Amino acid sequence: RNNGAAAEVPLAGIPVKAKDEYLERLVRMGRRVAICEQVEDPAEAKGIVRREVVET
């Protein structure tokens, strides 16, 4: 994903129910992982729902 800078940042969304399997696999591959949660009500959001990192 283009983050507005010169470089692109690879992103992937993983369903919560599958996180344990994928987290283990990604960490074993040497990937860095951050857990984000929605911090606003999607019904009230104007555009993309705001998220924040809650765990790294």
PDB file of N, CA and C in Angstrom:
ATOM      1  N   ARG A   1       0.853  -1.176   0.000  1.00  0.00           N
ATOM      2  CA  ARG A   1       0.000   0.000   0.000  1.00  0.00           C
ATOM      3  C   ARG A   1       0.890   1.226   0.000  1.00  0.00           C
ATOM      4  N   ASN A   2       0.495   2.219  -0.749  1.00  0.00           N
ATOM      5  CA  ASN A   2       1.247   3.466  -0.784  1.00  0.00           C
ATOM      6  C   ASN A   2       0.928   4.253   0.481  1.00  0.00           C
ATOM      7  N   ASN A   3       1.955   4.574   1.249  1.00  0.00           N
ATOM      8  CA  ASN A   3       1.755   5.297   2.502  1.00  0.00           C
ATOM      9  C   ASN A   3       2.001   6.791   2.348  1.00  0.00           C
ATOM     10  N   GLY A   4       2.076   7.267   1.129  1.00  0.00           N
ATOM     11  CA  GLY A   4       2.301   8.678   0.888  1.00  0.00           C
ATOM     12  C   GLY A   4       3.772   9.034   0.770  1.00  0.00           C
ATOM     13  N   ALA A   5       4.640   8.113   1.086  1.00  0.00           N
ATOM     14  CA  ALA A   5       6.080   8.340   0.990  1.00  0.00           C
ATOM     15  C   ALA A   5       6.582   7.714  -0.310  1.00  0.00           C
ATOM     16  N   ALA A   6       7.876   7.720  -0.477  1.00  0.00           N
ATOM     17  CA  ALA A   6       8.467   7.173  -1.699  1.00  0.00           C
ATOM     18  C   ALA A   6       8.339   5.650  -1.766  1.00  0.00           C
ATOM     19  N   ALA A   7       8.304   4.991  -0.616  1.00  0.00           N
ATOM     20  CA  ALA A   7       8.265   3.524  -0.580  1.00  0.00           C
ATOM     21  C   ALA A   7       6.840   3.036  -0.338  1.00  0.00           C
ATOM     22  N   GLU A   8       6.585   1.822  -0.756  1.00  0.00           N
ATOM     23  CA  GLU A   8       5.296   1.206  -0.481  1.00  0.00           C
ATOM     24  C   GLU A   8       5.422   0.283   0.723  1.00  0.00           C
ATOM     25  N   VAL A   9       4.326   0.116   1.456  1.00  0.00           N
ATOM     26  CA  VAL A   9       4.303  -0.711   2.658  1.00  0.00           C
ATOM     27  C   VAL A   9       3.385  -1.897   2.402  1.00  0.00           C
ATOM     28  N   PRO A  10       3.896  -3.146   2.517  1.00  0.00           N
ATOM     29  CA  PRO A  10       3.027  -4.307   2.306  1.00  0.00           C
ATOM     30  C   PRO A  10       2.076  -4.492   3.489  1.00  0.00           C
ATOM     31  N   LEU A  11       0.793  -4.655   3.197  1.00  0.00           N
ATOM     32  CA  LEU A  11      -0.211  -4.854   4.235  1.00  0.00           C
ATOM     33  C   LEU A  11      -1.039  -6.086   3.918  1.00  0.00           C
ATOM     34  N   ALA A  12      -1.564  -6.713   4.967  1.00  0.00           N
ATOM     35  CA  ALA A  12      -2.467  -7.850   4.790  1.00  0.00           C
ATOM     36  C   ALA A  12      -3.465  -7.843   5.934  1.00  0.00           C
ATOM     37  N   GLY A  13      -4.718  -8.056   5.621  1.00  0.00           N
ATOM     38  CA  GLY A  13      -5.733  -8.176   6.655  1.00  0.00           C
ATOM     39  C   GLY A  13      -6.007  -9.643   6.925  1.00  0.00           C
ATOM     40  N   ILE A  14      -6.113  -9.989   8.199  1.00  0.00           N
ATOM     41  CA  ILE A  14      -6.356 -11.379   8.590  1.00  0.00           C
ATOM     42  C   ILE A  14      -7.561 -11.397   9.527  1.00  0.00           C
ATOM     43  N   PRO A  15      -8.543 -12.268   9.289  1.00  0.00           N
ATOM     44  CA  PRO A  15      -9.696 -12.348  10.182  1.00  0.00           C
ATOM     45  C   PRO A  15      -9.268 -12.729  11.604  1.00  0.00           C
ATOM     46  N   VAL A  16      -9.938 -12.159  12.590  1.00  0.00           N
ATOM     47  CA  VAL A  16      -9.606 -12.428  13.994  1.00  0.00           C
ATOM     48  C   VAL A  16      -9.629 -13.920  14.293  1.00  0.00           C
ATOM     49  N   LYS A  17     -10.589 -14.645  13.729  1.00  0.00           N
ATOM     50  CA  LYS A  17     -10.705 -16.077  14.033  1.00  0.00           C
ATOM     51  C   LYS A  17      -9.516 -16.884  13.514  1.00  0.00           C
ATOM     52  N   ALA A  18      -8.728 -16.334  12.580  1.00  0.00           N
ATOM     53  CA  ALA A  18      -7.579 -17.048  12.016  1.00  0.00           C
ATOM     54  C   ALA A  18      -6.248 -16.476  12.482  1.00  0.00           C
ATOM     55  N   LYS A  19      -6.280 -15.519  13.402  1.00  0.00           N
ATOM     56  CA  LYS A  19      -5.045 -14.816  13.767  1.00  0.00           C
ATOM     57  C   LYS A  19      -3.981 -15.708  14.383  1.00  0.00           C
ATOM     58  N   ASP A  20      -4.350 -16.636  15.232  1.00  0.00           N
ATOM     59  CA  ASP A  20      -3.338 -17.471  15.886  1.00  0.00           C
ATOM     60  C   ASP A  20      -2.513 -18.255  14.869  1.00  0.00           C
ATOM     61  N   GLU A  21      -3.181 -18.832  13.899  1.00  0.00           N
ATOM     62  CA  GLU A  21      -2.477 -19.602  12.870  1.00  0.00           C
ATOM     63  C   GLU A  21      -1.565 -18.695  12.040  1.00  0.00           C
ATOM     64  N   TYR A  22      -2.077 -17.565  11.602  1.00  0.00           N
ATOM     65  CA  TYR A  22      -1.297 -16.684  10.739  1.00  0.00           C
ATOM     66  C   TYR A  22      -0.178 -15.967  11.489  1.00  0.00           C
ATOM     67  N   LEU A  23      -0.433 -15.543  12.722  1.00  0.00           N
ATOM     68  CA  LEU A  23       0.613 -14.857  13.490  1.00  0.00           C
ATOM     69  C   LEU A  23       1.836 -15.747  13.655  1.00  0.00           C
ATOM     70  N   GLU A  24       1.607 -16.974  14.042  1.00  0.00           N
ATOM     71  CA  GLU A  24       2.717 -17.910  14.226  1.00  0.00           C
ATOM     72  C   GLU A  24       3.495 -18.084  12.925  1.00  0.00           C
ATOM     73  N   ARG A  25       2.777 -18.259  11.844  1.00  0.00           N
ATOM     74  CA  ARG A  25       3.411 -18.460  10.538  1.00  0.00           C
ATOM     75  C   ARG A  25       4.213 -17.222  10.106  1.00  0.00           C
ATOM     76  N   LEU A  26       3.637 -16.050  10.265  1.00  0.00           N
ATOM     77  CA  LEU A  26       4.321 -14.819   9.857  1.00  0.00           C
ATOM     78  C   LEU A  26       5.569 -14.551  10.689  1.00  0.00           C
ATOM     79  N   VAL A  27       5.475 -14.744  11.992  1.00  0.00           N
ATOM     80  CA  VAL A  27       6.631 -14.525  12.868  1.00  0.00           C
ATOM     81  C   VAL A  27       7.738 -15.511  12.534  1.00  0.00           C
ATOM     82  N   ARG A  28       7.376 -16.762  12.277  1.00  0.00           N
ATOM     83  CA  ARG A  28       8.369 -17.766  11.885  1.00  0.00           C
ATOM     84  C   ARG A  28       9.093 -17.365  10.596  1.00  0.00           C
ATOM     85  N   MET A  29       8.383 -16.669   9.705  1.00  0.00           N
ATOM     86  CA  MET A  29       8.972 -16.215   8.445  1.00  0.00           C
ATOM     87  C   MET A  29       9.818 -14.952   8.626  1.00  0.00           C
ATOM     88  N   GLY A  30       9.861 -14.433   9.858  1.00  0.00           N
ATOM     89  CA  GLY A  30      10.647 -13.232  10.121  1.00  0.00           C
ATOM     90  C   GLY A  30       9.899 -11.937   9.836  1.00  0.00           C
ATOM     91  N   ARG A  31       8.592 -12.021   9.648  1.00  0.00           N
ATOM     92  CA  ARG A  31       7.784 -10.825   9.369  1.00  0.00           C
ATOM     93  C   ARG A  31       7.461 -10.089  10.657  1.00  0.00           C
ATOM     94  N   ARG A  32       7.274  -8.799  10.558  1.00  0.00           N
ATOM     95  CA  ARG A  32       6.826  -8.004  11.697  1.00  0.00           C
ATOM     96  C   ARG A  32       5.312  -7.871  11.609  1.00  0.00           C
ATOM     97  N   VAL A  33       4.651  -7.974  12.757  1.00  0.00           N
ATOM     98  CA  VAL A  33       3.190  -7.989  12.786  1.00  0.00           C
ATOM     99  C   VAL A  33       2.697  -6.958  13.789  1.00  0.00           C
ATOM    100  N   ALA A  34       1.653  -6.233  13.425  1.00  0.00           N
ATOM    101  CA  ALA A  34       0.996  -5.296  14.336  1.00  0.00           C
ATOM    102  C   ALA A  34      -0.496  -5.617  14.340  1.00  0.00           C
ATOM    103  N   ILE A  35      -1.090  -5.621  15.531  1.00  0.00           N
ATOM    104  CA  ILE A  35      -2.520  -5.867  15.673  1.00  0.00           C
ATOM    105  C   ILE A  35      -3.209  -4.509  15.795  1.00  0.00           C
ATOM    106  N   CYS A  36      -4.199  -4.273  14.943  1.00  0.00           N
ATOM    107  CA  CYS A  36      -4.948  -3.015  14.964  1.00  0.00           C
ATOM    108  C   CYS A  36      -6.412  -3.307  15.252  1.00  0.00           C
ATOM    109  N   GLU A  37      -7.058  -2.349  15.907  1.00  0.00           N
ATOM    110  CA  GLU A  37      -8.491  -2.468  16.166  1.00  0.00           C
ATOM    111  C   GLU A  37      -9.182  -1.190  15.731  1.00  0.00           C
ATOM    112  N   GLN A  38     -10.451  -1.316  15.346  1.00  0.00           N
ATOM    113  CA  GLN A  38     -11.238  -0.138  15.011  1.00  0.00           C
ATOM    114  C   GLN A  38     -11.468   0.662  16.284  1.00  0.00           C
ATOM    115  N   VAL A  39     -11.330   1.982  16.199  1.00  0.00           N
ATOM    116  CA  VAL A  39     -11.499   2.817  17.386  1.00  0.00           C
ATOM    117  C   VAL A  39     -12.669   3.788  17.237  1.00  0.00           C
ATOM    118  N   GLU A  40     -13.472   3.579  16.215  1.00  0.00           N
ATOM    119  CA  GLU A  40     -14.685   4.374  16.070  1.00  0.00           C
ATOM    120  C   GLU A  40     -15.785   3.506  15.479  1.00  0.00           C
ATOM    121  N   ASP A  41     -16.994   3.927  15.684  1.00  0.00           N
ATOM    122  CA  ASP A  41     -18.161   3.197  15.197  1.00  0.00           C
ATOM    123  C   ASP A  41     -18.243   3.325  13.677  1.00  0.00           C
ATOM    124  N   PRO A  42     -18.247   2.198  12.946  1.00  0.00           N
ATOM    125  CA  PRO A  42     -18.325   2.264  11.484  1.00  0.00           C
ATOM    126  C   PRO A  42     -19.564   3.017  10.985  1.00  0.00           C
ATOM    127  N   ALA A  43     -20.654   2.973  11.741  1.00  0.00           N
ATOM    128  CA  ALA A  43     -21.878   3.667  11.342  1.00  0.00           C
ATOM    129  C   ALA A  43     -21.709   5.184  11.400  1.00  0.00           C
ATOM    130  N   GLU A  44     -20.783   5.653  12.241  1.00  0.00           N
ATOM    131  CA  GLU A  44     -20.568   7.089  12.399  1.00  0.00           C
ATOM    132  C   GLU A  44     -19.346   7.594  11.646  1.00  0.00           C
ATOM    133  N   ALA A  45     -18.559   6.693  11.099  1.00  0.00           N
ATOM    134  CA  ALA A  45     -17.326   7.086  10.410  1.00  0.00           C
ATOM    135  C   ALA A  45     -17.647   7.755   9.083  1.00  0.00           C
ATOM    136  N   LYS A  46     -16.870   8.770   8.786  1.00  0.00           N
ATOM    137  CA  LYS A  46     -16.977   9.426   7.484  1.00  0.00           C
ATOM    138  C   LYS A  46     -15.806   8.924   6.662  1.00  0.00           C
ATOM    139  N   GLY A  47     -16.068   7.949   5.805  1.00  0.00           N
ATOM    140  CA  GLY A  47     -14.987   7.353   5.016  1.00  0.00           C
ATOM    141  C   GLY A  47     -14.448   6.116   5.706  1.00  0.00           C
ATOM    142  N   ILE A  48     -13.142   5.978   5.712  1.00  0.00           N
ATOM    143  CA  ILE A  48     -12.488   4.801   6.288  1.00  0.00           C
ATOM    144  C   ILE A  48     -12.555   4.861   7.811  1.00  0.00           C
ATOM    145  N   VAL A  49     -12.894   3.740   8.439  1.00  0.00           N
ATOM    146  CA  VAL A  49     -12.975   3.652   9.896  1.00  0.00           C
ATOM    147  C   VAL A  49     -11.569   3.762  10.480  1.00  0.00           C
ATOM    148  N   ARG A  50     -11.400   4.629  11.476  1.00  0.00           N
ATOM    149  CA  ARG A  50     -10.096   4.844  12.096  1.00  0.00           C
ATOM    150  C   ARG A  50      -9.696   3.622  12.922  1.00  0.00           C
ATOM    151  N   ARG A  51      -8.431   3.242  12.805  1.00  0.00           N
ATOM    152  CA  ARG A  51      -7.879   2.106  13.548  1.00  0.00           C
ATOM    153  C   ARG A  51      -6.603   2.544  14.247  1.00  0.00           C
ATOM    154  N   GLU A  52      -6.268   1.850  15.323  1.00  0.00           N
ATOM    155  CA  GLU A  52      -5.023   2.116  16.044  1.00  0.00           C
ATOM    156  C   GLU A  52      -4.324   0.800  16.350  1.00  0.00           C
ATOM    157  N   VAL A  53      -2.997   0.855  16.403  1.00  0.00           N
ATOM    158  CA  VAL A  53      -2.205  -0.323  16.771  1.00  0.00           C
ATOM    159  C   VAL A  53      -2.408  -0.574  18.257  1.00  0.00           C
ATOM    160  N   VAL A  54      -2.766  -1.816  18.612  1.00  0.00           N
ATOM    161  CA  VAL A  54      -2.976  -2.174  20.013  1.00  0.00           C
ATOM    162  C   VAL A  54      -1.942  -3.178  20.513  1.00  0.00           C
ATOM    163  N   GLU A  55      -1.195  -3.790  19.584  1.00  0.00           N
ATOM    164  CA  GLU A  55      -0.183  -4.771  19.975  1.00  0.00           C
ATOM    165  C   GLU A  55       0.803  -4.942  18.827  1.00  0.00           C
ATOM    166  N   THR A  56       2.092  -5.125  19.168  1.00  0.00           N
ATOM    167  CA  THR A  56       3.100  -5.389  18.131  1.00  0.00           C
ATOM    168  C   THR A  56       3.845  -6.656  18.456  1.00  0.00           C
TER     169      THR A  56
END
